């Protein structure tokens, strides 16, 4: 009796280039299921181009014969607390000055008004937002733009521009409000406060993905993601900061990071390691996070408007 003829067809082995591409694609995307819908990362790319364009304009103008534009952009856009809320009891304090409409003596408020620009003085609250668009030098800019693209693009491709816009600017506002409570006399610039918020939001999202994914291979990829895209870049940044001795706005980072963390919990739930079979606990966790976000903004805004702005000593005691 003849045995039936069987033909064994081996599956084609993908080329090494395809394997590397697929591996990198899984590392740099947040897909937890096959064929997930992707959005175009319009907002993050737009903000990165805007940051680079503004800094390039300031750089070119600062090396021209009349660098007044670059100085004006920093003066108008930086987060300077004395320009954002009034300082009572000293506005009519006489000081020496060289204003165009005064001779030898004018008042503290007059000099500060000219320093801050008179439009909406002393309530120039736009500085909480515009400080995000300015950077100190090319190292500051390149570091922020790199991390902005690294964490922002995967999040925006998965969750869309509207959510990322809300998260980004809420973290920016939280970073500015926190900074005004702790670094009252220093002018602040940079997008790092918002980026720390995006980072903490990214971490919470990945931890929740690790919790909800039962496949060991996918969990391994998430761990690799956190190591390559979070631990390694942050370690390099800390090393560079310690070498270059850069002044860091820790209050900005704390405020932005806290807001990103709370928004992540409010959107995804609490990423605790054990598996809870009830949706009620996660729903409660999300609600508590949103309540904390509301209370945090209420507290920081109240402190901001109820306290006097710090004095500008260079106006009171000019050299």
C-alpha atoms as a PDB file:
ATOM      1  CA  UNK A   1       0.000   0.000   0.000  1.00  0.00           C
ATOM      2  CA  UNK A   2       1.469   3.305  -1.067  1.00  0.00           C
ATOM      3  CA  UNK A   3       1.759   6.126   1.421  1.00  0.00           C
ATOM      4  CA  UNK A   4       0.125   9.438   0.418  1.00  0.00           C
ATOM      5  CA  UNK A   5       2.503  11.998  -0.878  1.00  0.00           C
ATOM      6  CA  UNK A   6       2.795  15.012   1.440  1.00  0.00           C
ATOM      7  CA  UNK A   7       4.475  18.248   0.564  1.00  0.00           C
ATOM      8  CA  UNK A   8       5.805  20.422   3.342  1.00  0.00           C
ATOM      9  CA  UNK A   9       5.833  24.107   2.568  1.00  0.00           C
ATOM     10  CA  UNK A  10       8.101  26.147   4.781  1.00  0.00           C
ATOM     11  CA  UNK A  11       7.106  29.676   5.662  1.00  0.00           C
ATOM     12  CA  UNK A  12       9.323  32.244   4.017  1.00  0.00           C
ATOM     13  CA  UNK A  13      11.852  33.784   6.363  1.00  0.00           C
ATOM     14  CA  UNK A  14      11.676  37.570   6.216  1.00  0.00           C
ATOM     15  CA  UNK A  15      14.891  39.345   5.323  1.00  0.00           C
ATOM     16  CA  UNK A  16      16.974  40.760   8.133  1.00  0.00           C
ATOM     17  CA  UNK A  17      16.145  44.302   7.039  1.00  0.00           C
ATOM     18  CA  UNK A  18      12.424  43.626   7.504  1.00  0.00           C
ATOM     19  CA  UNK A  19      13.040  42.077  10.903  1.00  0.00           C
ATOM     20  CA  UNK A  20      14.964  45.146  12.068  1.00  0.00           C
ATOM     21  CA  UNK A  21      12.280  47.443  10.655  1.00  0.00           C
ATOM     22  CA  UNK A  22       9.468  45.551  12.377  1.00  0.00           C
ATOM     23  CA  UNK A  23      11.384  45.499  15.657  1.00  0.00           C
ATOM     24  CA  UNK A  24      12.026  49.245  15.539  1.00  0.00           C
ATOM     25  CA  UNK A  25       8.435  49.887  14.522  1.00  0.00           C
ATOM     26  CA  UNK A  26       7.172  48.027  17.576  1.00  0.00           C
ATOM     27  CA  UNK A  27       9.551  49.941  19.831  1.00  0.00           C
ATOM     28  CA  UNK A  28       8.604  53.384  18.524  1.00  0.00           C
ATOM     29  CA  UNK A  29       4.849  52.849  18.354  1.00  0.00           C
ATOM     30  CA  UNK A  30       2.284  52.377  21.098  1.00  0.00           C
ATOM     31  CA  UNK A  31       0.205  49.770  19.273  1.00  0.00           C
ATOM     32  CA  UNK A  32      -1.181  47.174  21.679  1.00  0.00           C
ATOM     33  CA  UNK A  33      -3.474  45.572  19.098  1.00  0.00           C
ATOM     34  CA  UNK A  34      -2.973  44.826  15.396  1.00  0.00           C
ATOM     35  CA  UNK A  35      -4.259  47.328  12.832  1.00  0.00           C
ATOM     36  CA  UNK A  36      -4.842  50.136  15.301  1.00  0.00           C
ATOM     37  CA  UNK A  37      -5.929  53.484  13.908  1.00  0.00           C
ATOM     38  CA  UNK A  38      -3.173  56.081  13.636  1.00  0.00           C
ATOM     39  CA  UNK A  39      -3.422  59.873  13.545  1.00  0.00           C
ATOM     40  CA  UNK A  40      -1.043  62.320  11.938  1.00  0.00           C
ATOM     41  CA  UNK A  41       1.237  63.978  14.560  1.00  0.00           C
ATOM     42  CA  UNK A  42       0.408  67.472  13.293  1.00  0.00           C
ATOM     43  CA  UNK A  43       0.586  69.334  16.605  1.00  0.00           C
ATOM     44  CA  UNK A  44       3.925  67.980  17.861  1.00  0.00           C
ATOM     45  CA  UNK A  45       5.614  68.567  14.515  1.00  0.00           C
ATOM     46  CA  UNK A  46       4.109  72.063  14.300  1.00  0.00           C
ATOM     47  CA  UNK A  47       5.336  72.959  17.798  1.00  0.00           C
ATOM     48  CA  UNK A  48       8.818  71.627  17.030  1.00  0.00           C
ATOM     49  CA  UNK A  49       9.042  73.657  13.821  1.00  0.00           C
ATOM     50  CA  UNK A  50       7.731  76.720  15.670  1.00  0.00           C
ATOM     51  CA  UNK A  51      10.330  76.344  18.438  1.00  0.00           C
ATOM     52  CA  UNK A  52      13.148  76.022  15.913  1.00  0.00           C
ATOM     53  CA  UNK A  53      11.902  78.943  13.791  1.00  0.00           C
ATOM     54  CA  UNK A  54      11.573  81.337  16.729  1.00  0.00           C
ATOM     55  CA  UNK A  55      14.998  80.467  18.094  1.00  0.00           C
ATOM     56  CA  UNK A  56      16.578  80.751  14.648  1.00  0.00           C
ATOM     57  CA  UNK A  57      15.018  84.207  14.254  1.00  0.00           C
ATOM     58  CA  UNK A  58      16.350  85.266  17.664  1.00  0.00           C
ATOM     59  CA  UNK A  59      19.794  83.821  16.880  1.00  0.00           C
ATOM     60  CA  UNK A  60      20.099  85.633  13.548  1.00  0.00           C
ATOM     61  CA  UNK A  61      18.815  88.916  14.936  1.00  0.00           C
ATOM     62  CA  UNK A  62      21.113  88.772  17.978  1.00  0.00           C
ATOM     63  CA  UNK A  63      24.097  88.746  15.607  1.00  0.00           C
ATOM     64  CA  UNK A  64      22.883  91.653  13.517  1.00  0.00           C
ATOM     65  CA  UNK A  65      23.722  95.326  13.994  1.00  0.00           C
ATOM     66  CA  UNK A  66      20.376  95.957  15.674  1.00  0.00           C
ATOM     67  CA  UNK A  67      19.518  93.024  17.997  1.00  0.00           C
ATOM     68  CA  UNK A  68      16.478  94.825  19.409  1.00  0.00           C
ATOM     69  CA  UNK A  69      14.032  92.226  18.055  1.00  0.00           C
ATOM     70  CA  UNK A  70      15.633  89.332  19.930  1.00  0.00           C
ATOM     71  CA  UNK A  71      15.714  91.336  23.166  1.00  0.00           C
ATOM     72  CA  UNK A  72      12.091  92.360  22.683  1.00  0.00           C
ATOM     73  CA  UNK A  73      10.960  88.773  22.148  1.00  0.00           C
ATOM     74  CA  UNK A  74      12.630  87.677  25.368  1.00  0.00           C
ATOM     75  CA  UNK A  75      11.281  90.715  27.255  1.00  0.00           C
ATOM     76  CA  UNK A  76       7.731  90.193  26.015  1.00  0.00           C
ATOM     77  CA  UNK A  77       7.567  86.394  26.091  1.00  0.00           C
ATOM     78  CA  UNK A  78       9.577  85.271  29.119  1.00  0.00           C
ATOM     79  CA  UNK A  79       7.802  84.311  32.332  1.00  0.00           C
ATOM     80  CA  UNK A  80       8.555  87.346  34.502  1.00  0.00           C
ATOM     81  CA  UNK A  81       6.353  87.417  37.606  1.00  0.00           C
ATOM     82  CA  UNK A  82       6.620  91.205  38.290  1.00  0.00           C
ATOM     83  CA  UNK A  83       5.021  91.775  34.874  1.00  0.00           C
ATOM     84  CA  UNK A  84       2.218  89.296  35.565  1.00  0.00           C
ATOM     85  CA  UNK A  85       0.820  90.514  38.889  1.00  0.00           C
ATOM     86  CA  UNK A  86       1.051  93.815  40.783  1.00  0.00           C
ATOM     87  CA  UNK A  87       3.324  94.629  43.686  1.00  0.00           C
ATOM     88  CA  UNK A  88       1.356  96.665  46.186  1.00  0.00           C
ATOM     89  CA  UNK A  89       2.720  99.319  48.585  1.00  0.00           C
ATOM     90  CA  UNK A  90       5.785 100.092  46.493  1.00  0.00           C
ATOM     91  CA  UNK A  91       4.383 101.221  43.159  1.00  0.00           C
ATOM     92  CA  UNK A  92       4.846 104.892  44.074  1.00  0.00           C
ATOM     93  CA  UNK A  93       8.312 104.424  45.540  1.00  0.00           C
ATOM     94  CA  UNK A  94      10.641 107.006  43.900  1.00  0.00           C
ATOM     95  CA  UNK A  95      13.644 105.601  42.061  1.00  0.00           C
ATOM     96  CA  UNK A  96      16.321 106.946  39.775  1.00  0.00           C
ATOM     97  CA  UNK A  97      15.682 106.279  36.129  1.00  0.00           C
ATOM     98  CA  UNK A  98      16.313 107.442  32.610  1.00  0.00           C
ATOM     99  CA  UNK A  99      12.882 107.275  31.043  1.00  0.00           C
ATOM    100  CA  UNK A 100      12.176 109.401  28.012  1.00  0.00           C
ATOM    101  CA  UNK A 101       9.385 111.312  29.714  1.00  0.00           C
ATOM    102  CA  UNK A 102      11.200 111.874  33.022  1.00  0.00           C
ATOM    103  CA  UNK A 103      14.270 113.815  34.055  1.00  0.00           C
ATOM    104  CA  UNK A 104      16.013 112.340  37.085  1.00  0.00           C
ATOM    105  CA  UNK A 105      13.359 110.771  39.289  1.00  0.00           C
ATOM    106  CA  UNK A 106      10.379 108.586  38.554  1.00  0.00           C
ATOM    107  CA  UNK A 107       8.440 105.874  40.307  1.00  0.00           C
ATOM    108  CA  UNK A 108       9.046 102.159  40.577  1.00  0.00           C
ATOM    109  CA  UNK A 109       5.858 101.430  38.670  1.00  0.00           C
ATOM    110  CA  UNK A 110       6.920 103.658  35.764  1.00  0.00           C
ATOM    111  CA  UNK A 111      10.221 101.843  35.264  1.00  0.00           C
ATOM    112  CA  UNK A 112       8.670  98.398  35.613  1.00  0.00           C
ATOM    113  CA  UNK A 113       5.929  99.317  33.155  1.00  0.00           C
ATOM    114  CA  UNK A 114       8.513 100.284  30.541  1.00  0.00           C
ATOM    115  CA  UNK A 115      10.582  97.165  31.254  1.00  0.00           C
ATOM    116  CA  UNK A 116       7.563  94.881  30.860  1.00  0.00           C
ATOM    117  CA  UNK A 117       5.941  96.847  28.008  1.00  0.00           C
ATOM    118  CA  UNK A 118       2.771  98.701  28.885  1.00  0.00           C
ATOM    119  CA  UNK A 119       0.253  96.417  27.151  1.00  0.00           C
ATOM    120  CA  UNK A 120      -1.925  94.735  29.832  1.00  0.00           C
ATOM    121  CA  UNK A 121       0.608  95.620  32.520  1.00  0.00           C
ATOM    122  CA  UNK A 122       0.688  94.338  35.289  1.00  0.00           C
ATOM    123  CA  UNK A 123      -1.481  91.385  34.240  1.00  0.00           C
ATOM    124  CA  UNK A 124       0.486  89.958  31.312  1.00  0.00           C
ATOM    125  CA  UNK A 125      -0.715  86.418  31.839  1.00  0.00           C
ATOM    126  CA  UNK A 126       0.171  85.345  28.305  1.00  0.00           C
ATOM    127  CA  UNK A 127       3.741  84.919  29.564  1.00  0.00           C
ATOM    128  CA  UNK A 128       2.704  81.605  31.142  1.00  0.00           C
ATOM    129  CA  UNK A 129       2.191  80.284  27.610  1.00  0.00           C
ATOM    130  CA  UNK A 130       4.702  82.225  25.498  1.00  0.00           C
ATOM    131  CA  UNK A 131       7.605  81.244  27.764  1.00  0.00           C
ATOM    132  CA  UNK A 132       7.174  77.763  26.292  1.00  0.00           C
ATOM    133  CA  UNK A 133       8.214  79.096  22.858  1.00  0.00           C
ATOM    134  CA  UNK A 134      11.568  80.595  23.920  1.00  0.00           C
ATOM    135  CA  UNK A 135      14.875  78.842  24.617  1.00  0.00           C
ATOM    136  CA  UNK A 136      18.205  79.954  25.980  1.00  0.00           C
ATOM    137  CA  UNK A 137      20.590  78.415  23.455  1.00  0.00           C
ATOM    138  CA  UNK A 138      20.845  75.703  20.819  1.00  0.00           C
ATOM    139  CA  UNK A 139      21.599  72.987  23.379  1.00  0.00           C
ATOM    140  CA  UNK A 140      18.476  73.896  25.335  1.00  0.00           C
ATOM    141  CA  UNK A 141      16.411  73.929  22.144  1.00  0.00           C
ATOM    142  CA  UNK A 142      17.766  70.687  20.662  1.00  0.00           C
ATOM    143  CA  UNK A 143      17.262  68.780  23.912  1.00  0.00           C
ATOM    144  CA  UNK A 144      13.644  69.909  24.222  1.00  0.00           C
ATOM    145  CA  UNK A 145      12.775  69.367  20.560  1.00  0.00           C
ATOM    146  CA  UNK A 146      14.323  65.882  20.561  1.00  0.00           C
ATOM    147  CA  UNK A 147      12.349  64.698  23.603  1.00  0.00           C
ATOM    148  CA  UNK A 148       9.235  66.445  22.320  1.00  0.00           C
ATOM    149  CA  UNK A 149       9.396  64.410  19.117  1.00  0.00           C
ATOM    150  CA  UNK A 150      10.478  61.223  20.909  1.00  0.00           C
ATOM    151  CA  UNK A 151       7.514  61.085  23.294  1.00  0.00           C
ATOM    152  CA  UNK A 152       4.990  63.336  21.591  1.00  0.00           C
ATOM    153  CA  UNK A 153       4.781  61.717  18.154  1.00  0.00           C
ATOM    154  CA  UNK A 154       3.875  58.188  19.394  1.00  0.00           C
ATOM    155  CA  UNK A 155       1.256  59.629  21.766  1.00  0.00           C
ATOM    156  CA  UNK A 156      -0.301  61.868  19.131  1.00  0.00           C
ATOM    157  CA  UNK A 157      -0.329  59.074  16.531  1.00  0.00           C
ATOM    158  CA  UNK A 158      -2.309  56.896  18.938  1.00  0.00           C
ATOM    159  CA  UNK A 159      -4.578  59.384  20.723  1.00  0.00           C
ATOM    160  CA  UNK A 160      -4.956  62.217  18.221  1.00  0.00           C
ATOM    161  CA  UNK A 161      -4.066  65.909  18.201  1.00  0.00           C
ATOM    162  CA  UNK A 162      -6.958  67.219  20.324  1.00  0.00           C
ATOM    163  CA  UNK A 163      -6.026  65.195  23.409  1.00  0.00           C
ATOM    164  CA  UNK A 164      -2.326  65.944  23.076  1.00  0.00           C
ATOM    165  CA  UNK A 165      -2.988  69.679  22.622  1.00  0.00           C
ATOM    166  CA  UNK A 166      -5.017  69.714  25.862  1.00  0.00           C
ATOM    167  CA  UNK A 167      -2.393  67.707  27.763  1.00  0.00           C
ATOM    168  CA  UNK A 168       0.512  69.770  26.416  1.00  0.00           C
ATOM    169  CA  UNK A 169      -0.902  73.187  27.305  1.00  0.00           C
ATOM    170  CA  UNK A 170      -2.348  72.112  30.657  1.00  0.00           C
ATOM    171  CA  UNK A 171       1.127  70.866  31.603  1.00  0.00           C
ATOM    172  CA  UNK A 172       2.632  74.147  30.350  1.00  0.00           C
ATOM    173  CA  UNK A 173       0.204  76.163  32.471  1.00  0.00           C
ATOM    174  CA  UNK A 174       0.795  73.956  35.505  1.00  0.00           C
ATOM    175  CA  UNK A 175       4.577  74.315  35.121  1.00  0.00           C
ATOM    176  CA  UNK A 176       4.286  78.112  34.904  1.00  0.00           C
ATOM    177  CA  UNK A 177       1.992  78.393  37.946  1.00  0.00           C
ATOM    178  CA  UNK A 178       4.268  76.153  40.019  1.00  0.00           C
ATOM    179  CA  UNK A 179       7.321  78.122  38.941  1.00  0.00           C
ATOM    180  CA  UNK A 180       5.750  81.423  39.989  1.00  0.00           C
ATOM    181  CA  UNK A 181       5.353  80.042  43.526  1.00  0.00           C
ATOM    182  CA  UNK A 182       8.962  78.909  43.981  1.00  0.00           C
ATOM    183  CA  UNK A 183      11.109  80.866  41.494  1.00  0.00           C
ATOM    184  CA  UNK A 184       9.447  84.243  41.874  1.00  0.00           C
ATOM    185  CA  UNK A 185      12.386  86.472  40.968  1.00  0.00           C
ATOM    186  CA  UNK A 186      13.747  84.531  38.014  1.00  0.00           C
ATOM    187  CA  UNK A 187      12.529  84.812  34.438  1.00  0.00           C
ATOM    188  CA  UNK A 188      11.642  81.429  32.985  1.00  0.00           C
ATOM    189  CA  UNK A 189      11.778  80.162  29.404  1.00  0.00           C
ATOM    190  CA  UNK A 190      11.637  76.769  27.747  1.00  0.00           C
ATOM    191  CA  UNK A 191       9.226  73.922  27.025  1.00  0.00           C
ATOM    192  CA  UNK A 192      10.701  71.449  29.520  1.00  0.00           C
ATOM    193  CA  UNK A 193       7.789  71.846  31.950  1.00  0.00           C
ATOM    194  CA  UNK A 194       5.328  70.684  29.292  1.00  0.00           C
ATOM    195  CA  UNK A 195       7.705  67.915  28.217  1.00  0.00           C
ATOM    196  CA  UNK A 196       7.961  66.513  31.737  1.00  0.00           C
ATOM    197  CA  UNK A 197       4.167  66.377  31.697  1.00  0.00           C
ATOM    198  CA  UNK A 198       4.213  64.530  28.364  1.00  0.00           C
ATOM    199  CA  UNK A 199       6.874  62.188  29.780  1.00  0.00           C
ATOM    200  CA  UNK A 200       4.835  61.277  32.882  1.00  0.00           C
ATOM    201  CA  UNK A 201       1.721  60.848  30.747  1.00  0.00           C
ATOM    202  CA  UNK A 202       3.730  58.539  28.460  1.00  0.00           C
ATOM    203  CA  UNK A 203       4.982  56.483  31.426  1.00  0.00           C
ATOM    204  CA  UNK A 204       1.490  56.047  32.892  1.00  0.00           C
ATOM    205  CA  UNK A 205       0.155  55.007  29.478  1.00  0.00           C
ATOM    206  CA  UNK A 206       2.896  52.396  29.037  1.00  0.00           C
ATOM    207  CA  UNK A 207       2.451  51.018  32.560  1.00  0.00           C
ATOM    208  CA  UNK A 208      -1.274  50.626  31.969  1.00  0.00           C
ATOM    209  CA  UNK A 209      -0.535  48.921  28.651  1.00  0.00           C
ATOM    210  CA  UNK A 210       1.787  46.513  30.460  1.00  0.00           C
ATOM    211  CA  UNK A 211      -0.946  45.798  32.976  1.00  0.00           C
ATOM    212  CA  UNK A 212      -3.685  45.134  30.424  1.00  0.00           C
ATOM    213  CA  UNK A 213      -1.515  43.098  28.010  1.00  0.00           C
ATOM    214  CA  UNK A 214      -1.284  39.440  28.951  1.00  0.00           C
ATOM    215  CA  UNK A 215       1.255  38.472  26.288  1.00  0.00           C
ATOM    216  CA  UNK A 216       4.761  38.128  27.661  1.00  0.00           C
ATOM    217  CA  UNK A 217       6.379  39.244  24.398  1.00  0.00           C
ATOM    218  CA  UNK A 218       4.368  42.456  24.316  1.00  0.00           C
ATOM    219  CA  UNK A 219       5.206  43.182  27.940  1.00  0.00           C
ATOM    220  CA  UNK A 220       8.870  42.675  27.117  1.00  0.00           C
ATOM    221  CA  UNK A 221       8.588  45.214  24.287  1.00  0.00           C
ATOM    222  CA  UNK A 222       6.987  47.725  26.668  1.00  0.00           C
ATOM    223  CA  UNK A 223       9.853  47.297  29.140  1.00  0.00           C
ATOM    224  CA  UNK A 224      12.339  47.810  26.295  1.00  0.00           C
ATOM    225  CA  UNK A 225      10.389  50.911  25.264  1.00  0.00           C
ATOM    226  CA  UNK A 226      10.629  52.412  28.737  1.00  0.00           C
ATOM    227  CA  UNK A 227      14.348  51.663  28.943  1.00  0.00           C
ATOM    228  CA  UNK A 228      15.289  52.951  25.480  1.00  0.00           C
ATOM    229  CA  UNK A 229      12.894  55.896  25.230  1.00  0.00           C
ATOM    230  CA  UNK A 230      12.779  57.067  28.855  1.00  0.00           C
ATOM    231  CA  UNK A 231      15.632  55.784  31.016  1.00  0.00           C
ATOM    232  CA  UNK A 232      18.427  56.206  28.458  1.00  0.00           C
ATOM    233  CA  UNK A 233      17.466  59.736  27.240  1.00  0.00           C
ATOM    234  CA  UNK A 234      16.894  60.963  30.789  1.00  0.00           C
ATOM    235  CA  UNK A 235      20.211  59.499  31.919  1.00  0.00           C
ATOM    236  CA  UNK A 236      22.028  61.257  29.061  1.00  0.00           C
ATOM    237  CA  UNK A 237      20.252  64.540  29.883  1.00  0.00           C
ATOM    238  CA  UNK A 238      21.225  64.335  33.561  1.00  0.00           C
ATOM    239  CA  UNK A 239      24.821  63.582  32.609  1.00  0.00           C
ATOM    240  CA  UNK A 240      24.990  66.563  30.231  1.00  0.00           C
ATOM    241  CA  UNK A 241      23.396  68.853  32.822  1.00  0.00           C
ATOM    242  CA  UNK A 242      25.970  67.845  35.430  1.00  0.00           C
ATOM    243  CA  UNK A 243      28.843  68.388  32.980  1.00  0.00           C
ATOM    244  CA  UNK A 244      27.659  71.710  31.543  1.00  0.00           C
ATOM    245  CA  UNK A 245      26.305  72.995  34.897  1.00  0.00           C
ATOM    246  CA  UNK A 246      23.021  74.213  33.442  1.00  0.00           C
ATOM    247  CA  UNK A 247      20.586  76.026  35.706  1.00  0.00           C
ATOM    248  CA  UNK A 248      17.447  73.901  35.972  1.00  0.00           C
ATOM    249  CA  UNK A 249      13.905  75.051  36.721  1.00  0.00           C
ATOM    250  CA  UNK A 250      12.958  72.196  39.034  1.00  0.00           C
ATOM    251  CA  UNK A 251       9.650  73.862  39.940  1.00  0.00           C
ATOM    252  CA  UNK A 252       8.650  73.894  36.263  1.00  0.00           C
ATOM    253  CA  UNK A 253       9.510  70.233  35.892  1.00  0.00           C
ATOM    254  CA  UNK A 254       7.618  69.296  39.040  1.00  0.00           C
ATOM    255  CA  UNK A 255       4.486  71.226  38.057  1.00  0.00           C
ATOM    256  CA  UNK A 256       4.422  69.912  34.503  1.00  0.00           C
ATOM    257  CA  UNK A 257       5.265  66.349  35.524  1.00  0.00           C
ATOM    258  CA  UNK A 258       2.623  66.286  38.252  1.00  0.00           C
ATOM    259  CA  UNK A 259      -0.027  67.481  35.815  1.00  0.00           C
ATOM    260  CA  UNK A 260       0.966  64.887  33.205  1.00  0.00           C
ATOM    261  CA  UNK A 261       0.867  62.155  35.856  1.00  0.00           C
ATOM    262  CA  UNK A 262      -2.605  63.165  37.063  1.00  0.00           C
ATOM    263  CA  UNK A 263      -3.935  63.492  33.518  1.00  0.00           C
ATOM    264  CA  UNK A 264      -2.551  60.053  32.687  1.00  0.00           C
ATOM    265  CA  UNK A 265      -4.325  58.509  35.669  1.00  0.00           C
ATOM    266  CA  UNK A 266      -7.472  60.484  34.828  1.00  0.00           C
ATOM    267  CA  UNK A 267      -7.449  59.019  31.314  1.00  0.00           C
ATOM    268  CA  UNK A 268      -6.176  55.470  31.860  1.00  0.00           C
ATOM    269  CA  UNK A 269      -6.582  54.676  35.565  1.00  0.00           C
ATOM    270  CA  UNK A 270      -4.093  53.730  38.250  1.00  0.00           C
ATOM    271  CA  UNK A 271      -1.184  51.590  36.982  1.00  0.00           C
ATOM    272  CA  UNK A 272      -0.774  49.530  40.110  1.00  0.00           C
ATOM    273  CA  UNK A 273       0.906  46.160  39.535  1.00  0.00           C
ATOM    274  CA  UNK A 274      -1.878  43.846  40.710  1.00  0.00           C
ATOM    275  CA  UNK A 275      -4.855  43.002  38.520  1.00  0.00           C
ATOM    276  CA  UNK A 276      -8.172  44.261  39.833  1.00  0.00           C
ATOM    277  CA  UNK A 277     -11.203  42.585  38.354  1.00  0.00           C
ATOM    278  CA  UNK A 278     -13.565  45.449  39.116  1.00  0.00           C
ATOM    279  CA  UNK A 279     -13.943  48.523  36.949  1.00  0.00           C
ATOM    280  CA  UNK A 280     -15.282  50.495  39.907  1.00  0.00           C
ATOM    281  CA  UNK A 281     -11.841  50.964  41.489  1.00  0.00           C
ATOM    282  CA  UNK A 282     -10.317  52.240  38.229  1.00  0.00           C
ATOM    283  CA  UNK A 283     -13.285  54.537  37.646  1.00  0.00           C
ATOM    284  CA  UNK A 284     -12.867  55.910  41.155  1.00  0.00           C
ATOM    285  CA  UNK A 285      -9.144  56.333  40.582  1.00  0.00           C
ATOM    286  CA  UNK A 286      -9.770  58.353  37.411  1.00  0.00           C
ATOM    287  CA  UNK A 287     -12.316  60.564  39.134  1.00  0.00           C
ATOM    288  CA  UNK A 288     -10.005  61.236  42.068  1.00  0.00           C
ATOM    289  CA  UNK A 289      -7.226  62.224  39.635  1.00  0.00           C
ATOM    290  CA  UNK A 290      -9.514  64.721  37.857  1.00  0.00           C
ATOM    291  CA  UNK A 291     -10.540  66.171  41.235  1.00  0.00           C
ATOM    292  CA  UNK A 292      -6.869  66.594  42.153  1.00  0.00           C
ATOM    293  CA  UNK A 293      -6.233  68.361  38.828  1.00  0.00           C
ATOM    294  CA  UNK A 294      -9.058  70.812  39.568  1.00  0.00           C
ATOM    295  CA  UNK A 295      -7.906  71.401  43.147  1.00  0.00           C
ATOM    296  CA  UNK A 296      -4.302  71.883  42.053  1.00  0.00           C
ATOM    297  CA  UNK A 297      -5.228  74.568  39.538  1.00  0.00           C
ATOM    298  CA  UNK A 298      -7.545  76.222  42.059  1.00  0.00           C
ATOM    299  CA  UNK A 299      -4.786  76.305  44.683  1.00  0.00           C
ATOM    300  CA  UNK A 300      -2.017  77.567  42.402  1.00  0.00           C
ATOM    301  CA  UNK A 301      -4.180  80.222  40.732  1.00  0.00           C
ATOM    302  CA  UNK A 302      -5.374  81.469  44.134  1.00  0.00           C
ATOM    303  CA  UNK A 303      -1.814  81.688  45.454  1.00  0.00           C
ATOM    304  CA  UNK A 304      -0.710  83.444  42.280  1.00  0.00           C
ATOM    305  CA  UNK A 305      -3.302  86.221  42.491  1.00  0.00           C
ATOM    306  CA  UNK A 306      -3.320  86.588  46.297  1.00  0.00           C
ATOM    307  CA  UNK A 307       0.407  87.202  46.720  1.00  0.00           C
ATOM    308  CA  UNK A 308       2.419  90.227  45.669  1.00  0.00           C
ATOM    309  CA  UNK A 309       4.961  90.009  42.895  1.00  0.00           C
ATOM    310  CA  UNK A 310       8.621  90.053  43.991  1.00  0.00           C
ATOM    311  CA  UNK A 311      10.559  93.291  43.827  1.00  0.00           C
ATOM    312  CA  UNK A 312      12.959  93.953  41.006  1.00  0.00           C
ATOM    313  CA  UNK A 313      16.058  95.024  42.910  1.00  0.00           C
ATOM    314  CA  UNK A 314      17.807  96.313  39.817  1.00  0.00           C
ATOM    315  CA  UNK A 315      15.115  99.007  39.622  1.00  0.00           C
ATOM    316  CA  UNK A 316      15.226  99.919  43.301  1.00  0.00           C
ATOM    317  CA  UNK A 317      19.022  99.931  43.464  1.00  0.00           C
ATOM    318  CA  UNK A 318      20.395 100.567  39.964  1.00  0.00           C
ATOM    319  CA  UNK A 319      24.140 100.202  39.466  1.00  0.00           C
END
